[in-house]
Amino acid sequence: MPSHFWIDHTELDALLRAVENPAAAPVSAVTTPVVTSTPTPVSAAKPTPDSFTPTSSSLERRLSELSDWLTARVACDQVFVAGPEGLALFERDADPELVAAASSLTNLWGSLAASLDLASQTRIEVDLDADRVLSLSLANATWGMSSLGIVTTERLDTEMAHAVTRAFRMTVGTE
């Protein structure tokens, strides 16, 4: 079977000599290969996430509005808000054990942040398994440290993660 590669042995020998003894090789022996390619079309940019503004004075209704806004923009399997006591203040298809674990992580971060003088309101992402990521947005609400949890198949891009965090903080009144 013939080779699909063509090698100019003169060029190859000159390159090998240049590598073995760069000072002895003539300058013309080293050539720069020319690579041509067709430009790859740029895919359409992702739309910028619009900002969320709660319209209700009721916390329950604001959390529902947040969930509607979120699920319209992010493909997520579970959405919940975990309170400081490990209970869901709001949930859509959320696993109670995951809510409790998110609450524990939130409280742990709150303790670490206080003792190490770190920002208490932050984001945490946890790979649950090969196919699921838990993204938590933390806020120090009037009733205590709470977190918005969403389970997705991939990490949120930075812009969407910031938009989600801002939306959660607006919902619970910390921004």
Protein backbone atom coordinates (compact mmCIF):
# COMPACT_ATOMS: atom_id res chain seq x y z
CA MET A 1 0.00 0.00 0.00
CA PRO A 2 1.49 3.38 -0.94
CA SER A 3 2.14 5.96 1.74
CA HIS A 4 -0.13 8.95 2.01
CA PHE A 5 2.78 11.07 3.22
CA TRP A 6 5.44 12.63 1.06
CA ILE A 7 8.80 13.37 2.57
CA ASP A 8 11.56 15.27 0.82
CA HIS A 9 14.56 13.34 2.13
CA THR A 10 16.93 16.21 1.28
CA GLU A 11 14.92 18.58 3.48
CA LEU A 12 14.61 15.96 6.23
CA ASP A 13 18.37 15.27 6.22
CA ALA A 14 19.10 19.01 6.39
CA LEU A 15 16.70 19.44 9.31
CA LEU A 16 18.24 16.50 11.19
CA ARG A 17 21.75 17.93 10.66
CA ALA A 18 20.53 21.33 11.90
CA VAL A 19 19.15 19.75 15.06
CA GLU A 20 22.33 17.71 15.69
CA ASN A 21 24.68 20.64 15.08
CA PRO A 22 22.87 23.95 14.58
CA ALA A 23 26.09 25.91 13.93
CA ALA A 24 27.17 23.64 11.04
CA ALA A 25 23.88 23.70 9.17
CA PRO A 26 23.45 26.32 6.47
CA VAL A 27 20.67 28.80 7.12
CA SER A 28 18.91 27.76 3.91
CA ALA A 29 18.73 24.15 5.12
CA VAL A 30 16.06 25.03 7.67
CA THR A 31 12.80 25.92 6.00
CA THR A 32 9.59 27.01 7.56
CA PRO A 33 6.62 24.93 6.48
CA VAL A 34 3.67 26.82 5.12
CA VAL A 35 0.36 25.74 6.59
CA THR A 36 -2.83 26.82 4.98
CA SER A 37 -6.29 26.27 6.30
CA THR A 38 -9.74 27.49 5.64
CA PRO A 39 -11.11 29.72 8.36
CA THR A 40 -13.55 28.06 10.70
CA PRO A 41 -16.85 29.89 10.75
CA VAL A 42 -17.55 31.60 14.04
CA SER A 43 -20.66 30.21 15.66
CA ALA A 44 -23.37 32.57 16.78
CA ALA A 45 -22.58 34.10 20.14
CA LYS A 46 -24.60 32.96 23.12
CA PRO A 47 -27.26 35.44 24.05
CA THR A 48 -26.45 37.55 27.06
CA PRO A 49 -28.62 36.53 30.00
CA ASP A 50 -31.13 39.22 30.69
CA SER A 51 -31.34 40.44 34.23
CA PHE A 52 -33.98 39.24 36.63
CA THR A 53 -36.17 41.61 38.60
CA PRO A 54 -38.65 40.14 41.08
CA THR A 55 -42.10 41.70 40.89
CA SER A 56 -43.77 40.34 44.01
CA SER A 57 -43.41 41.32 47.65
CA SER A 58 -44.09 37.71 48.72
CA LEU A 59 -40.93 35.63 49.17
CA GLU A 60 -42.70 32.49 47.98
CA ARG A 61 -43.83 34.23 44.78
CA ARG A 62 -40.37 35.80 44.20
CA LEU A 63 -38.74 32.36 44.52
CA SER A 64 -41.24 30.95 42.02
CA GLU A 65 -40.50 33.84 39.62
CA LEU A 66 -36.77 33.19 40.02
CA SER A 67 -37.27 29.51 39.26
CA ASP A 68 -39.32 30.33 36.14
CA TRP A 69 -36.66 32.80 34.96
CA LEU A 70 -33.88 30.30 35.65
CA THR A 71 -35.46 27.27 33.98
CA ALA A 72 -36.20 29.35 30.88
CA ARG A 73 -32.45 30.05 30.52
CA VAL A 74 -30.64 27.03 31.93
CA ALA A 75 -31.30 23.35 31.26
CA CYS A 76 -31.50 22.11 34.84
CA ASP A 77 -32.89 18.95 36.40
CA GLN A 78 -33.40 20.33 39.88
CA VAL A 79 -33.86 23.80 41.37
CA PHE A 80 -34.08 24.59 45.07
CA VAL A 81 -33.35 27.12 47.75
CA ALA A 82 -31.83 25.55 50.84
CA GLY A 83 -32.32 27.33 54.13
CA PRO A 84 -29.85 27.33 57.03
CA GLU A 85 -31.65 24.45 58.77
CA GLY A 86 -31.29 22.04 55.84
CA LEU A 87 -34.84 22.39 54.58
CA ALA A 88 -35.96 23.50 51.14
CA LEU A 89 -37.51 26.96 51.22
CA PHE A 90 -38.43 26.34 47.60
CA GLU A 91 -37.88 23.37 45.30
CA ARG A 92 -38.68 21.95 41.88
CA ASP A 93 -37.88 18.24 41.54
CA ALA A 94 -35.17 18.51 44.19
CA ASP A 95 -33.75 15.53 46.04
CA PRO A 96 -34.17 16.22 49.81
CA GLU A 97 -30.73 14.73 50.54
CA LEU A 98 -29.15 17.09 48.03
CA VAL A 99 -30.95 20.04 49.63
CA ALA A 100 -29.61 19.00 53.05
CA ALA A 101 -26.10 18.55 51.63
CA ALA A 102 -26.28 21.99 49.99
CA SER A 103 -27.35 23.50 53.29
CA SER A 104 -24.42 21.83 55.06
CA LEU A 105 -21.99 23.13 52.42
CA THR A 106 -23.49 26.60 52.74
CA ASN A 107 -23.16 26.59 56.54
CA LEU A 108 -19.62 25.21 56.30
CA TRP A 109 -18.65 27.98 53.88
CA GLY A 110 -20.26 30.54 56.18
CA SER A 111 -18.10 29.33 59.07
CA LEU A 112 -14.93 29.25 56.96
CA ALA A 113 -15.64 32.68 55.53
CA ALA A 114 -16.16 34.16 58.99
CA SER A 115 -13.01 32.60 60.48
CA LEU A 116 -10.77 33.37 57.49
CA ASP A 117 -12.29 36.75 56.65
CA LEU A 118 -13.54 35.64 53.21
CA ALA A 119 -16.61 36.72 51.27
CA SER A 120 -19.61 34.87 52.68
CA GLN A 121 -21.74 35.40 49.57
CA THR A 122 -20.11 33.36 46.83
CA ARG A 123 -20.67 30.51 44.38
CA ILE A 124 -19.74 26.86 44.81
CA GLU A 125 -19.80 24.17 42.13
CA VAL A 126 -19.66 20.46 42.90
CA ASP A 127 -19.39 17.60 40.41
CA LEU A 128 -22.04 15.17 41.63
CA ASP A 129 -20.99 12.53 39.12
CA ALA A 130 -19.72 12.41 35.53
CA ASP A 131 -22.98 13.82 34.17
CA ARG A 132 -24.25 16.27 36.80
CA VAL A 133 -23.00 19.48 38.38
CA LEU A 134 -24.49 21.18 41.44
CA SER A 135 -24.13 24.96 41.27
CA LEU A 136 -24.78 26.87 44.49
CA SER A 137 -25.21 30.62 44.80
CA LEU A 138 -24.92 31.68 48.44
CA ALA A 139 -26.60 34.65 50.09
CA ASN A 140 -26.77 35.82 53.67
CA ALA A 141 -30.51 36.48 53.90
CA THR A 142 -32.26 37.94 56.93
CA TRP A 143 -33.15 34.41 58.10
CA GLY A 144 -29.57 33.12 57.71
CA MET A 145 -27.17 31.77 55.13
CA SER A 146 -29.10 30.23 52.24
CA SER A 147 -28.26 28.86 48.83
CA LEU A 148 -29.87 28.57 45.43
CA GLY A 149 -29.04 25.14 44.05
CA ILE A 150 -29.36 24.03 40.46
CA VAL A 151 -28.36 20.70 39.00
CA THR A 152 -27.19 20.81 35.38
CA THR A 153 -25.28 18.56 33.01
CA GLU A 154 -22.44 21.06 32.64
CA ARG A 155 -20.98 24.02 34.47
CA LEU A 156 -22.58 27.41 33.93
CA ASP A 157 -20.52 29.85 31.91
CA THR A 158 -19.22 32.77 33.97
CA GLU A 159 -21.69 35.31 32.67
CA MET A 160 -24.71 33.10 33.37
CA ALA A 161 -23.35 32.12 36.81
CA HIS A 162 -23.05 35.81 37.74
CA ALA A 163 -26.55 36.53 36.42
CA VAL A 164 -27.99 33.64 38.47
CA THR A 165 -26.18 34.80 41.61
CA ARG A 166 -27.39 38.39 41.17
CA ALA A 167 -30.95 37.16 40.57
CA PHE A 168 -30.88 35.04 43.73
CA ARG A 169 -29.54 37.88 45.85
CA MET A 170 -32.19 40.23 44.50
CA THR A 171 -34.83 37.64 45.29
CA VAL A 172 -33.81 37.25 48.92
CA GLY A 173 -33.11 40.95 49.35
CA THR A 174 -29.33 40.99 49.79
CA GLU A 175 -28.59 43.00 46.64
